[in-house]
Amino acid sequence: MKISENKNLKKKVGSSSCTRGVPHLNAEQHRRLLNILALEIELKTITGLKEKIKSFDDLYKLYIKGNRIEKQLKDLYKTTSPKEILMDMTEKSSN
């Protein structure tokens, strides 16, 4: 799964919540969701900064940080689509 495929997780989770009600997540899955959203925002910020920064050293630091965030997101996703992520979280919360 590519990280860029899940850039709209926040929007998709929000729209899913409106159609099916608020998902009931346990503390662990709620933390997972918030971590994904926070990392997505940080990655978006880094991407925007890469376009504005001209210093090679600073660009390299952003590249390294961006790769670290993408790895963390990959570990948090565990599935292939935002819908499956939400279903997985809901299922794990009901157990």
C-alpha atoms as a PDB file:
ATOM      1  CA  MET A   1       0.000   0.000   0.000  1.00  0.00           C
ATOM      2  CA  LYS A   2       1.292   3.437  -0.871  1.00  0.00           C
ATOM      3  CA  ILE A   3       1.147   6.127   1.759  1.00  0.00           C
ATOM      4  CA  SER A   4      -0.208   8.601  -0.791  1.00  0.00           C
ATOM      5  CA  GLU A   5      -3.289   6.408  -1.303  1.00  0.00           C
ATOM      6  CA  ASN A   6      -4.420   7.158   2.251  1.00  0.00           C
ATOM      7  CA  LYS A   7      -3.858  10.919   2.347  1.00  0.00           C
ATOM      8  CA  ASN A   8      -7.608  11.467   2.645  1.00  0.00           C
ATOM      9  CA  LEU A   9      -8.094   9.139   5.625  1.00  0.00           C
ATOM     10  CA  LYS A  10      -9.355  11.982   7.772  1.00  0.00           C
ATOM     11  CA  LYS A  11     -11.956  12.948   5.173  1.00  0.00           C
ATOM     12  CA  LYS A  12     -13.016   9.329   4.557  1.00  0.00           C
ATOM     13  CA  VAL A  13     -13.292   8.507   8.256  1.00  0.00           C
ATOM     14  CA  GLY A  14     -15.311  11.667   8.767  1.00  0.00           C
ATOM     15  CA  SER A  15     -17.720  10.875   5.932  1.00  0.00           C
ATOM     16  CA  SER A  16     -18.035   7.275   7.119  1.00  0.00           C
ATOM     17  CA  SER A  17     -18.892   8.519  10.595  1.00  0.00           C
ATOM     18  CA  CYS A  18     -21.693  10.661   9.193  1.00  0.00           C
ATOM     19  CA  THR A  19     -23.315   7.798   7.297  1.00  0.00           C
ATOM     20  CA  ARG A  20     -22.964   5.101   9.973  1.00  0.00           C
ATOM     21  CA  GLY A  21     -22.692   7.145  13.140  1.00  0.00           C
ATOM     22  CA  VAL A  22     -19.602   7.604  15.252  1.00  0.00           C
ATOM     23  CA  PRO A  23     -17.540   4.410  15.400  1.00  0.00           C
ATOM     24  CA  HIS A  24     -17.022   3.034  18.890  1.00  0.00           C
ATOM     25  CA  LEU A  25     -13.302   2.477  19.296  1.00  0.00           C
ATOM     26  CA  ASN A  26     -11.455   1.190  22.310  1.00  0.00           C
ATOM     27  CA  ALA A  27      -8.547   3.233  23.708  1.00  0.00           C
ATOM     28  CA  GLU A  28      -5.904   1.401  21.657  1.00  0.00           C
ATOM     29  CA  GLN A  29      -7.724   1.858  18.333  1.00  0.00           C
ATOM     30  CA  HIS A  30      -8.611   5.464  19.151  1.00  0.00           C
ATOM     31  CA  ARG A  31      -4.904   6.122  19.788  1.00  0.00           C
ATOM     32  CA  ARG A  32      -4.085   4.422  16.459  1.00  0.00           C
ATOM     33  CA  LEU A  33      -6.564   6.655  14.618  1.00  0.00           C
ATOM     34  CA  LEU A  34      -5.230   9.823  16.236  1.00  0.00           C
ATOM     35  CA  ASN A  35      -1.643   8.775  15.497  1.00  0.00           C
ATOM     36  CA  ILE A  36      -2.495   8.240  11.829  1.00  0.00           C
ATOM     37  CA  LEU A  37      -4.190  11.630  11.592  1.00  0.00           C
ATOM     38  CA  ALA A  38      -1.327  13.433  13.359  1.00  0.00           C
ATOM     39  CA  LEU A  39       1.306  11.774  11.174  1.00  0.00           C
ATOM     40  CA  GLU A  40      -0.667  12.552   7.999  1.00  0.00           C
ATOM     41  CA  ILE A  41      -0.757  16.236   8.972  1.00  0.00           C
ATOM     42  CA  GLU A  42       2.971  16.248   9.770  1.00  0.00           C
ATOM     43  CA  LEU A  43       3.779  14.561   6.451  1.00  0.00           C
ATOM     44  CA  LYS A  44       1.668  17.106   4.568  1.00  0.00           C
ATOM     45  CA  THR A  45       3.518  19.930   6.331  1.00  0.00           C
ATOM     46  CA  ILE A  46       6.905  18.416   5.432  1.00  0.00           C
ATOM     47  CA  THR A  47       5.843  18.036   1.809  1.00  0.00           C
ATOM     48  CA  GLY A  48       4.869  21.713   1.702  1.00  0.00           C
ATOM     49  CA  LEU A  49       8.147  22.774   3.284  1.00  0.00           C
ATOM     50  CA  LYS A  50      10.212  20.786   0.790  1.00  0.00           C
ATOM     51  CA  GLU A  51       8.986  23.092  -1.970  1.00  0.00           C
ATOM     52  CA  LYS A  52      10.026  26.244  -0.090  1.00  0.00           C
ATOM     53  CA  ILE A  53      13.412  25.238   1.326  1.00  0.00           C
ATOM     54  CA  LYS A  54      16.481  25.708  -0.817  1.00  0.00           C
ATOM     55  CA  SER A  55      19.221  24.558   1.579  1.00  0.00           C
ATOM     56  CA  PHE A  56      20.437  21.057   0.733  1.00  0.00           C
ATOM     57  CA  ASP A  57      21.071  20.210   4.406  1.00  0.00           C
ATOM     58  CA  ASP A  58      17.564  21.225   5.420  1.00  0.00           C
ATOM     59  CA  LEU A  59      16.035  19.341   2.492  1.00  0.00           C
ATOM     60  CA  TYR A  60      17.956  16.240   3.494  1.00  0.00           C
ATOM     61  CA  LYS A  61      16.688  16.516   7.089  1.00  0.00           C
ATOM     62  CA  LEU A  62      13.112  16.822   5.807  1.00  0.00           C
ATOM     63  CA  TYR A  63      13.641  13.848   3.501  1.00  0.00           C
ATOM     64  CA  ILE A  64      14.847  11.708   6.423  1.00  0.00           C
ATOM     65  CA  LYS A  65      11.998  12.853   8.670  1.00  0.00           C
ATOM     66  CA  GLY A  66       9.456  12.264   5.891  1.00  0.00           C
ATOM     67  CA  ASN A  67      10.724   8.709   5.375  1.00  0.00           C
ATOM     68  CA  ARG A  68      10.486   8.021   9.115  1.00  0.00           C
ATOM     69  CA  ILE A  69       6.898   9.278   9.184  1.00  0.00           C
ATOM     70  CA  GLU A  70       5.959   7.204   6.130  1.00  0.00           C
ATOM     71  CA  LYS A  71       7.335   4.095   7.849  1.00  0.00           C
ATOM     72  CA  GLN A  72       5.336   4.864  10.989  1.00  0.00           C
ATOM     73  CA  LEU A  73       2.194   5.345   8.906  1.00  0.00           C
ATOM     74  CA  LYS A  74       2.792   2.089   7.067  1.00  0.00           C
ATOM     75  CA  ASP A  75       3.020   0.304  10.432  1.00  0.00           C
ATOM     76  CA  LEU A  76      -0.213   1.933  11.606  1.00  0.00           C
ATOM     77  CA  TYR A  77      -2.208   1.247   8.424  1.00  0.00           C
ATOM     78  CA  LYS A  78      -1.771  -2.540   8.450  1.00  0.00           C
ATOM     79  CA  THR A  79      -4.460  -2.788   5.713  1.00  0.00           C
ATOM     80  CA  THR A  80      -4.872  -1.455   2.207  1.00  0.00           C
ATOM     81  CA  SER A  81      -7.699   1.091   2.292  1.00  0.00           C
ATOM     82  CA  PRO A  82      -9.167   3.672   4.680  1.00  0.00           C
ATOM     83  CA  LYS A  83     -12.441   1.724   4.751  1.00  0.00           C
ATOM     84  CA  GLU A  84     -10.602  -1.446   5.764  1.00  0.00           C
ATOM     85  CA  ILE A  85      -8.620   0.476   8.388  1.00  0.00           C
ATOM     86  CA  LEU A  86     -11.825   1.747   9.991  1.00  0.00           C
ATOM     87  CA  MET A  87     -13.458  -1.688   9.791  1.00  0.00           C
ATOM     88  CA  ASP A  88     -10.357  -3.256  11.366  1.00  0.00           C
ATOM     89  CA  MET A  89     -10.360  -0.694  14.167  1.00  0.00           C
ATOM     90  CA  THR A  90     -14.068  -1.193  14.846  1.00  0.00           C
ATOM     91  CA  GLU A  91     -13.696  -4.981  14.809  1.00  0.00           C
ATOM     92  CA  LYS A  92     -10.734  -4.924  17.211  1.00  0.00           C
ATOM     93  CA  SER A  93     -12.649  -2.571  19.500  1.00  0.00           C
ATOM     94  CA  SER A  94     -15.645  -4.911  19.740  1.00  0.00           C
ATOM     95  CA  ASN A  95     -13.531  -7.811  21.016  1.00  0.00           C
END
